[in-house]
Protein backbone atom coordinates (compact mmCIF):
# COMPACT_ATOMS: atom_id res chain seq x y z
CA MET A 1 -65.83 -106.45 -242.65
CA GLN A 2 -67.64 -106.03 -239.35
CA PHE A 3 -69.57 -102.99 -238.12
CA ILE A 4 -67.82 -103.32 -234.73
CA ASP A 5 -65.12 -105.94 -234.23
CA LEU A 6 -65.02 -106.78 -230.53
CA ASN A 7 -62.81 -109.80 -231.11
CA ALA A 8 -59.86 -107.69 -232.27
CA GLN A 9 -59.75 -105.99 -228.89
CA GLN A 10 -60.34 -109.22 -227.01
CA GLN A 11 -57.37 -110.91 -228.65
CA ARG A 12 -55.14 -108.05 -227.62
CA ILE A 13 -55.97 -108.32 -223.90
CA LYS A 14 -57.25 -111.88 -223.65
CA GLY A 15 -54.66 -112.91 -221.07
CA LYS A 16 -55.61 -110.05 -218.74
CA ILE A 17 -59.34 -110.68 -219.18
CA ASP A 18 -58.94 -114.40 -218.51
CA ALA A 19 -56.85 -113.71 -215.39
CA ASN A 20 -59.38 -111.22 -214.05
CA ILE A 21 -62.25 -113.65 -214.60
CA GLN A 22 -60.33 -116.42 -212.86
CA ASN A 23 -59.70 -114.13 -209.89
CA VAL A 24 -63.44 -113.60 -209.50
CA LEU A 25 -64.13 -117.33 -209.79
CA ALA A 26 -61.48 -117.94 -207.12
CA HIS A 27 -62.81 -115.48 -204.54
CA GLY A 28 -66.47 -116.17 -205.37
CA LYS A 29 -67.79 -112.70 -204.55
CA TYR A 30 -70.03 -112.48 -207.60
CA ILE A 31 -72.21 -109.66 -206.25
CA MET A 32 -70.47 -106.41 -205.23
CA GLY A 33 -67.05 -108.02 -205.21
CA PRO A 34 -63.82 -106.03 -204.82
CA GLU A 35 -63.50 -105.48 -208.58
CA VAL A 36 -66.62 -103.29 -208.53
CA LYS A 37 -65.09 -100.89 -206.00
CA GLU A 38 -61.77 -100.90 -207.86
CA LEU A 39 -63.50 -100.03 -211.11
CA GLU A 40 -65.49 -97.26 -209.44
CA GLN A 41 -62.33 -95.70 -208.04
CA THR A 42 -60.48 -96.07 -211.35
CA LEU A 43 -63.22 -94.48 -213.44
CA ALA A 44 -63.97 -91.72 -210.94
CA LYS A 45 -60.32 -90.72 -211.22
CA TYR A 46 -60.39 -91.00 -215.02
CA VAL A 47 -63.49 -88.80 -215.29
CA GLY A 48 -62.33 -86.40 -212.59
CA VAL A 49 -65.16 -86.67 -210.06
CA ASP A 50 -65.36 -87.64 -206.41
CA TYR A 51 -67.81 -90.53 -206.69
CA ALA A 52 -68.68 -93.32 -209.12
CA ILE A 53 -71.35 -95.97 -208.62
CA GLY A 54 -71.33 -99.14 -210.70
CA VAL A 55 -74.82 -100.16 -211.81
CA ALA A 56 -76.51 -102.94 -213.75
CA SER A 57 -77.05 -101.12 -217.06
CA GLY A 58 -76.88 -97.81 -218.82
CA THR A 59 -80.64 -97.52 -218.35
CA ASP A 60 -80.27 -97.88 -214.57
CA ALA A 61 -77.53 -95.25 -214.72
CA LEU A 62 -80.18 -92.79 -215.94
CA LEU A 63 -83.10 -94.07 -213.88
CA MET A 64 -81.35 -94.00 -210.53
CA PRO A 65 -80.31 -90.29 -210.58
CA LEU A 66 -83.91 -89.38 -211.44
CA MET A 67 -85.03 -91.46 -208.46
CA ALA A 68 -82.44 -89.72 -206.28
CA HIS A 69 -84.03 -86.40 -207.28
CA GLU A 70 -87.46 -87.84 -206.47
CA VAL A 71 -88.73 -87.21 -209.99
CA GLY A 72 -92.37 -88.20 -210.39
CA PRO A 73 -95.83 -87.22 -211.66
CA GLY A 74 -96.16 -83.55 -212.48
CA ASP A 75 -92.44 -83.08 -213.14
CA ALA A 76 -91.06 -82.12 -216.56
CA ILE A 77 -87.68 -83.41 -217.71
CA PHE A 78 -86.33 -81.74 -220.84
CA THR A 79 -84.47 -83.96 -223.30
CA VAL A 80 -84.15 -84.79 -227.00
CA SER A 81 -86.28 -86.95 -229.24
CA PHE A 82 -83.35 -88.01 -231.45
CA THR A 83 -81.81 -90.64 -229.17
CA PHE A 84 -82.27 -94.20 -227.92
CA ILE A 85 -85.50 -94.87 -226.06
CA ALA A 86 -83.77 -95.40 -222.69
CA THR A 87 -83.28 -91.64 -222.33
CA ALA A 88 -87.00 -90.87 -222.23
CA GLU A 89 -88.13 -94.28 -221.04
CA VAL A 90 -86.76 -93.72 -217.55
CA ILE A 91 -88.66 -90.44 -217.27
CA GLN A 92 -91.95 -92.07 -218.18
CA LEU A 93 -91.30 -95.05 -215.89
CA LEU A 94 -91.35 -92.64 -212.94
CA GLY A 95 -94.60 -91.04 -214.08
CA ALA A 96 -92.89 -87.80 -215.07
CA THR A 97 -93.25 -86.08 -218.44
CA SER A 98 -90.62 -85.92 -221.18
CA VAL A 99 -90.58 -82.52 -222.80
CA PHE A 100 -88.75 -83.02 -226.07
CA VAL A 101 -86.49 -80.37 -227.58
CA ASP A 102 -85.16 -80.32 -231.13
CA ILE A 103 -81.47 -80.81 -231.88
CA ASP A 104 -78.68 -78.78 -233.41
CA PRO A 105 -78.36 -79.86 -237.09
CA ASP A 106 -74.56 -79.96 -236.91
CA THR A 107 -73.83 -81.76 -233.64
CA PHE A 108 -77.15 -83.67 -233.25
CA ASN A 109 -77.13 -82.57 -229.58
CA ILE A 110 -79.82 -80.55 -227.82
CA ASP A 111 -80.37 -77.07 -229.27
CA VAL A 112 -79.78 -74.77 -226.29
CA ASN A 113 -81.87 -71.91 -227.68
CA LYS A 114 -84.83 -74.21 -228.23
CA LEU A 115 -84.27 -75.66 -224.78
CA GLU A 116 -84.83 -72.30 -223.12
CA GLU A 117 -87.89 -71.70 -225.30
CA ALA A 118 -89.31 -75.04 -224.12
CA ILE A 119 -88.62 -74.25 -220.45
CA ILE A 120 -90.33 -70.85 -220.74
CA LYS A 121 -93.32 -72.44 -222.49
CA VAL A 122 -93.77 -75.09 -219.79
CA LYS A 123 -93.45 -72.53 -217.01
CA SER A 124 -95.97 -70.21 -218.66
CA GLU A 125 -98.50 -73.03 -219.10
CA GLY A 126 -98.24 -73.87 -215.41
CA LYS A 127 -99.26 -77.51 -215.78
CA LEU A 128 -95.87 -79.12 -215.09
CA ASN A 129 -92.95 -78.43 -212.77
CA PRO A 130 -89.73 -77.94 -214.78
CA LYS A 131 -87.44 -80.13 -212.72
CA GLY A 132 -84.51 -81.38 -214.77
CA ILE A 133 -82.61 -81.38 -218.07
CA MET A 134 -81.17 -84.53 -219.59
CA PRO A 135 -78.80 -83.71 -222.48
CA VAL A 136 -77.48 -86.63 -224.55
CA ASP A 137 -73.85 -86.84 -225.66
CA LEU A 138 -74.92 -88.29 -228.99
CA PHE A 139 -72.52 -90.48 -230.96
CA GLY A 140 -69.73 -89.55 -228.52
CA GLN A 141 -69.70 -85.74 -228.61
CA PRO A 142 -70.61 -83.91 -225.38
CA ALA A 143 -73.43 -81.38 -225.48
CA ASP A 144 -73.04 -77.66 -224.66
CA TYR A 145 -72.85 -77.97 -220.88
CA ASP A 146 -71.81 -74.44 -219.95
CA GLU A 147 -74.99 -73.10 -221.53
CA ILE A 148 -77.14 -76.00 -220.29
CA ASN A 149 -75.91 -75.73 -216.69
CA ALA A 150 -76.47 -71.97 -216.79
CA LEU A 151 -80.08 -72.49 -217.89
CA ALA A 152 -80.58 -75.09 -215.16
CA LYS A 153 -79.30 -72.65 -212.54
CA LYS A 154 -81.45 -69.84 -213.97
CA TYR A 155 -84.64 -71.91 -213.76
CA GLY A 156 -83.86 -73.96 -210.64
CA MET A 157 -83.37 -77.39 -212.22
CA PHE A 158 -80.82 -80.19 -212.06
CA VAL A 159 -78.87 -81.58 -215.03
CA LEU A 160 -78.37 -85.30 -215.67
CA GLU A 161 -75.76 -85.98 -218.35
CA ASP A 162 -76.70 -88.94 -220.55
CA GLY A 163 -73.16 -90.05 -221.32
CA ALA A 164 -74.10 -93.52 -222.55
CA GLN A 165 -72.32 -92.79 -225.84
CA GLY A 166 -70.07 -90.00 -224.64
CA PHE A 167 -67.77 -91.78 -222.19
CA GLY A 168 -64.20 -91.07 -223.28
CA GLY A 169 -65.13 -87.78 -224.93
CA THR A 170 -64.04 -84.34 -223.74
CA TYR A 171 -65.68 -80.90 -223.44
CA LYS A 172 -63.40 -77.89 -222.98
CA GLY A 173 -60.74 -80.09 -221.41
CA LYS A 174 -63.16 -81.88 -219.06
CA LYS A 175 -64.13 -85.51 -219.43
CA ALA A 176 -67.63 -86.56 -220.37
CA CYS A 177 -69.61 -87.67 -217.30
CA SER A 178 -68.08 -84.87 -215.22
CA LEU A 179 -70.03 -82.13 -216.97
CA ALA A 180 -73.23 -81.98 -214.91
CA GLU A 181 -74.38 -82.47 -211.33
CA VAL A 182 -74.78 -86.19 -212.06
CA ALA A 183 -74.09 -88.37 -215.09
CA GLY A 184 -74.76 -91.88 -216.28
CA THR A 185 -73.01 -94.04 -218.84
CA SER A 186 -73.40 -97.51 -220.35
CA PHE A 187 -71.02 -100.44 -220.63
CA PHE A 188 -73.13 -102.24 -223.26
CA PRO A 189 -70.67 -104.32 -225.35
CA ALA A 190 -70.74 -102.00 -228.38
CA LYS A 191 -69.96 -98.83 -226.39
CA PRO A 192 -66.46 -97.28 -226.52
CA LEU A 193 -65.85 -98.86 -223.09
CA GLY A 194 -68.03 -101.96 -223.10
CA THR A 195 -68.12 -105.16 -221.11
CA TYR A 196 -69.34 -108.64 -222.06
CA GLY A 197 -72.89 -108.10 -220.91
CA ASP A 198 -74.85 -105.21 -219.44
CA GLY A 199 -73.46 -102.62 -217.08
CA GLY A 200 -73.29 -98.92 -216.38
CA MET A 201 -72.04 -96.28 -213.98
CA CYS A 202 -73.18 -93.03 -212.36
CA PHE A 203 -70.81 -90.15 -211.61
CA THR A 204 -71.17 -87.17 -209.29
CA ASN A 205 -69.34 -84.77 -206.99
CA ASP A 206 -72.42 -84.46 -204.77
CA LYS A 207 -72.06 -86.59 -201.64
CA GLU A 208 -75.79 -86.52 -200.87
CA ILE A 209 -76.66 -87.75 -204.38
CA TYR A 210 -73.94 -90.39 -204.09
CA GLU A 211 -75.34 -91.74 -200.83
CA LYS A 212 -78.85 -91.85 -202.27
CA LEU A 213 -77.58 -93.74 -205.33
CA LEU A 214 -75.84 -96.29 -203.10
CA SER A 215 -79.15 -96.87 -201.33
CA ILE A 216 -81.27 -97.00 -204.50
CA ARG A 217 -78.84 -99.48 -206.09
CA VAL A 218 -79.65 -102.09 -203.42
CA HIS A 219 -83.42 -101.94 -203.00
CA GLY A 220 -83.36 -98.65 -201.08
CA LYS A 221 -81.05 -100.06 -198.43
CA GLY A 222 -80.71 -98.13 -195.18
CA SER A 223 -78.36 -99.02 -192.33
CA HIS A 224 -78.42 -102.76 -193.15
CA LYS A 225 -79.82 -105.27 -195.64
CA TYR A 226 -83.31 -105.43 -194.15
CA ASP A 227 -83.63 -101.72 -193.41
CA ASN A 228 -85.22 -99.99 -196.40
CA ALA A 229 -84.93 -96.21 -196.32
CA ARG A 230 -86.68 -95.74 -199.67
CA VAL A 231 -87.98 -97.71 -202.64
CA GLY A 232 -85.02 -98.70 -204.79
CA ILE A 233 -84.12 -101.25 -207.46
CA ASN A 234 -81.75 -104.15 -207.96
CA GLY A 235 -79.22 -102.02 -209.82
CA ARG A 236 -75.88 -103.63 -209.00
CA LEU A 237 -73.01 -104.07 -211.44
CA ASP A 238 -71.92 -107.73 -211.61
CA THR A 239 -68.41 -108.43 -210.36
CA LEU A 240 -67.52 -110.34 -213.54
CA MET A 241 -68.53 -107.38 -215.68
CA ALA A 242 -66.36 -105.09 -213.56
CA ALA A 243 -63.42 -107.49 -213.83
CA ILE A 244 -63.64 -107.45 -217.63
CA LEU A 245 -63.83 -103.66 -217.66
CA LEU A 246 -60.73 -103.40 -215.47
CA ALA A 247 -58.80 -105.17 -218.21
CA LYS A 248 -60.28 -102.96 -220.90
CA VAL A 249 -59.79 -99.64 -219.14
CA GLU A 250 -56.01 -100.12 -219.21
CA ILE A 251 -56.03 -99.56 -222.99
CA PHE A 252 -59.06 -97.25 -223.16
CA ALA A 253 -57.18 -93.95 -223.55
CA GLU A 254 -55.16 -95.42 -226.41
CA GLU A 255 -58.35 -96.73 -228.03
CA ILE A 256 -59.92 -93.26 -227.89
CA GLU A 257 -56.86 -91.99 -229.78
CA LEU A 258 -57.23 -94.78 -232.34
CA ARG A 259 -60.88 -93.80 -232.81
CA GLN A 260 -59.75 -90.24 -233.60
CA LYS A 261 -57.48 -91.57 -236.35
CA VAL A 262 -60.25 -93.65 -237.89
CA ALA A 263 -62.68 -90.72 -237.75
CA ASN A 264 -60.14 -88.29 -239.18
CA ARG A 265 -59.37 -90.61 -242.11
CA TYR A 266 -63.07 -91.02 -242.82
CA SER A 267 -63.73 -87.28 -242.60
CA GLU A 268 -60.82 -86.40 -244.88
CA GLY A 269 -61.84 -88.99 -247.46
CA LEU A 270 -65.56 -88.23 -247.39
CA LYS A 271 -65.78 -84.47 -246.79
CA ASP A 272 -66.54 -83.66 -250.44
CA ILE A 273 -68.81 -86.67 -251.01
CA ILE A 274 -71.32 -86.85 -248.17
CA LYS A 275 -72.31 -84.89 -245.04
CA THR A 276 -69.78 -85.97 -242.41
CA PRO A 277 -69.96 -85.44 -238.62
CA PHE A 278 -69.12 -82.05 -237.16
CA VAL A 279 -67.20 -81.90 -233.88
CA LYS A 280 -66.87 -78.55 -232.15
CA GLU A 281 -63.34 -77.20 -231.76
CA HIS A 282 -63.40 -77.49 -227.97
CA ASN A 283 -64.73 -81.07 -228.04
CA ILE A 284 -63.22 -84.52 -228.49
CA SER A 285 -65.73 -87.16 -229.52
CA ALA A 286 -65.54 -90.72 -228.22
CA TRP A 287 -66.85 -91.77 -231.64
CA ALA A 288 -69.36 -94.29 -230.37
CA GLN A 289 -70.61 -94.18 -233.97
CA TYR A 290 -69.50 -92.49 -237.17
CA SER A 291 -72.71 -91.25 -238.74
CA VAL A 292 -73.18 -89.56 -242.11
CA LEU A 293 -76.14 -87.95 -243.88
CA HIS A 294 -77.47 -88.59 -247.38
CA PRO A 295 -80.93 -87.76 -248.79
CA ASP A 296 -81.08 -91.16 -250.49
CA ARG A 297 -79.44 -93.27 -247.83
CA GLU A 298 -81.23 -96.47 -248.87
CA LYS A 299 -79.45 -96.39 -252.23
CA VAL A 300 -76.08 -95.76 -250.61
CA MET A 301 -76.59 -98.43 -247.94
CA ALA A 302 -77.69 -100.97 -250.57
CA GLY A 303 -74.53 -100.23 -252.53
CA LEU A 304 -72.34 -100.66 -249.47
CA LYS A 305 -74.08 -103.97 -248.72
CA GLU A 306 -73.15 -105.19 -252.21
CA GLU A 307 -69.54 -104.36 -251.38
CA GLY A 308 -69.74 -106.34 -248.12
CA ILE A 309 -69.78 -103.24 -245.91
CA PRO A 310 -72.26 -103.27 -243.00
CA THR A 311 -74.21 -100.18 -241.98
CA ALA A 312 -76.75 -99.26 -239.30
CA ILE A 313 -79.27 -96.49 -238.69
CA TYR A 314 -79.22 -94.56 -235.40
CA TYR A 315 -82.12 -93.60 -235.20
CA PRO A 316 -84.78 -94.20 -237.88
CA LYS A 317 -87.76 -92.90 -235.88
CA PRO A 318 -87.55 -90.09 -233.32
CA LEU A 319 -89.04 -90.75 -229.91
CA HIS A 320 -91.82 -88.17 -230.27
CA LEU A 321 -93.26 -90.33 -233.09
CA GLN A 322 -92.97 -93.63 -231.23
CA ASP A 323 -96.10 -95.41 -229.99
CA ALA A 324 -94.54 -95.59 -226.53
CA PHE A 325 -94.89 -91.80 -226.20
CA VAL A 326 -98.20 -91.23 -227.94
CA ASN A 327 -99.56 -90.00 -224.60
CA LEU A 328 -97.38 -86.89 -224.92
CA GLY A 329 -99.40 -85.67 -227.91
CA TYR A 330 -96.57 -84.89 -230.30
CA LYS A 331 -96.99 -85.15 -234.08
CA TYR A 332 -94.87 -85.22 -237.24
CA GLY A 333 -93.48 -81.75 -237.89
CA ASP A 334 -93.01 -80.80 -234.24
CA PHE A 335 -89.23 -81.35 -234.37
CA PRO A 336 -88.15 -80.90 -238.01
CA VAL A 337 -84.41 -81.17 -237.45
CA SER A 338 -84.74 -84.48 -235.58
CA GLU A 339 -87.11 -85.77 -238.26
CA LYS A 340 -84.74 -84.77 -241.07
CA MET A 341 -81.77 -86.41 -239.34
CA ALA A 342 -83.78 -89.59 -238.81
CA SER A 343 -84.59 -89.77 -242.52
CA ASP A 344 -81.06 -89.15 -243.81
CA ILE A 345 -78.65 -90.61 -241.26
CA PHE A 346 -76.74 -93.88 -241.32
CA SER A 347 -73.58 -95.15 -239.64
CA ILE A 348 -70.56 -96.91 -241.09
CA PRO A 349 -68.05 -99.27 -239.42
CA MET A 350 -66.24 -97.61 -236.49
CA TYR A 351 -63.93 -99.21 -233.93
CA PRO A 352 -60.32 -98.65 -232.83
CA TYR A 353 -58.85 -101.55 -234.79
CA LEU A 354 -60.46 -100.79 -238.16
CA GLY A 355 -57.55 -100.99 -240.59
CA GLU A 356 -56.72 -98.29 -243.11
CA GLU A 357 -57.37 -100.68 -246.00
CA ASP A 358 -60.90 -101.32 -244.75
CA GLN A 359 -61.45 -97.61 -244.13
CA ASP A 360 -60.40 -96.84 -247.69
CA LYS A 361 -62.76 -99.54 -248.97
CA VAL A 362 -65.64 -97.82 -247.16
CA ILE A 363 -64.61 -94.41 -248.50
CA GLU A 364 -64.36 -95.65 -252.09
CA ALA A 365 -67.70 -97.45 -251.85
CA ILE A 366 -69.45 -94.31 -250.60
CA LYS A 367 -67.84 -92.32 -253.43
CA LYS A 368 -69.24 -94.90 -255.85
CA TYR A 369 -72.81 -94.93 -254.56
CA ALA A 370 -73.41 -91.51 -252.99
């Protein structure tokens, strides 16, 4: 059994992928070829926004909107510690300060009440400028954007949706990556919509932000190649990656439905055995991972390994305890929910083509060892 079986999907659409790759090889426009624009238009329509900008990675998809907002030293960006390092890394790269906020113990997403407390604290201290909020749609479930956007409006900040894991999910009938002023997602191979390499995309309805992102994506390009309106990056999505995604997006909606079936079977079989994921009634998760909690996860994971079942831990050490962020001055105990999740969580195989027999094997193994 594999943790994620990318080959099962590839075999289903291999002919389309091969044809799309051959088209790129034939026209030879490897940088910013027509497939990039087609993918942008396709995914903007899917998400329900006016503009989409293909970029080189999920990390660039978070970095570039911060650059568009001219985030820098003295600015505070509020986000979570229980996430992948890219979320906070991009803040620190620009010289700004990550202000971590603890998570909701049920959804693993940012705790909105603690978010407002953190904003008030920073404002009262007067050392940093509260500039933006970066919620994370962890494991595929969107955060509480109505409340988050209301707080941003109240305190004069922007919201950047980290939809790296959330793409394909839904919040109150709206697609992930349409839930804030600007959003970024990742096309890393293991994501719900992944390519065969790195890639990402930004989404927005704001024309001014869109135009800035277009410039930042190509070294701060102005009116032509050698006119630089600002400092930018080389953040372009490769044409080949876009071509592969165009083949995959045709079956993406169906794959999201298949992920629901896998998750529902897991949840039904495991609900009385182990702490299973909680998805709010108004949400649909993209199920980037299926993560469970157990106070003795090492024992359970060792048992699953004996049965030939792979597992993974997302994330074993919260960002506020990482050496990379020691400059922020956080310590163990500052975010108890994040720390508890990091000590108990592990993920089991999750992908659209995971057969019922394999799912039942996982369920029975967890019953045996949990």
